Amino acid sequence: MPQTTLNKDAMVQLSLAALVAHCHNEMQRYSQGQPHDTRYAYELCRRALVERCELAWAELYQLFTPLVRYWVRRSALFPTCGESEDFFVSDAFFRFSQAITPDRFAEFSCLAVLLGYLRRCTSCVVINYVRANTKTRHWSSLQLADGLPGDCPEEQALDRLCDEEFWHDLNAQLHSEAERVIIRATLEAGMSSGEVYHHWPGLFRDVHDVYAVKRNVLLRLKRSPYLRRLAS
């Protein structure tokens, strides 16, 4: 029997209880590989984020918490944090709710776009926690430790650490796996040259090689017109 769906106006008129029941039903259909309708969950998000309905927000939180927990566990940095999954789940949802104001909701055209943003929020809260609890908290302090000037655009660019496009474009500026490992390890986890060599000995001859590669790549990025545009 074909599944029946409601038009947009009828969906808006649904009671919250009926809407939530539809959300769970569609999620079950999705998990079983069956055709499903994401508009119910999108409407739940609209009520929570545009109407700022606390009951709708509570239901949204419950509906997507398992997914956010999964994203937290998949973060390569999570095992080093010493915090629970729920600690980051709560922060991710808070960041999500603060970022998507009623005026901005229309920018998120469907559930997939909303969930993509929630996933980015989840990555951000884990990364920010690690950054705040490591010896090297800013790119500028990393540069000073390497004898490089601190008043350069990389410090501003680091504020875009959570932006997937930033990482995609930054990776295009790197020339080898060794450079990519160094930038990720120092920016995301605050590792020293010695710690990088300890974790990836196959990529470097010795710790001095790590230092040399890091210094060269930072100097190249400092001169990069792309990075200067990004920081402007």
Foldseek 3Di string as FASTA:
>chain_A
DDDDDDDPVVLLVDDLVVLLVLVVVQVVCVVVVHDHDQVSLVSLVCCCQQVVDPVSLVSNLVSCVVVLLVLLVPDPQNVVLPDDSVVLSVQLSVVLSVVRHNVNSVVQPGPVSSVVSSSLSSVVVSQQSLLVPEPHNFVLVVQVVLVHHRPFLRRLLLVCVSPPVSVVVVVVLDDDPLLVLLVCCCSRRVDDLQVSCVVCVVVAVHSVRSSVSPVVSVVSLRPDPVSVVSSD
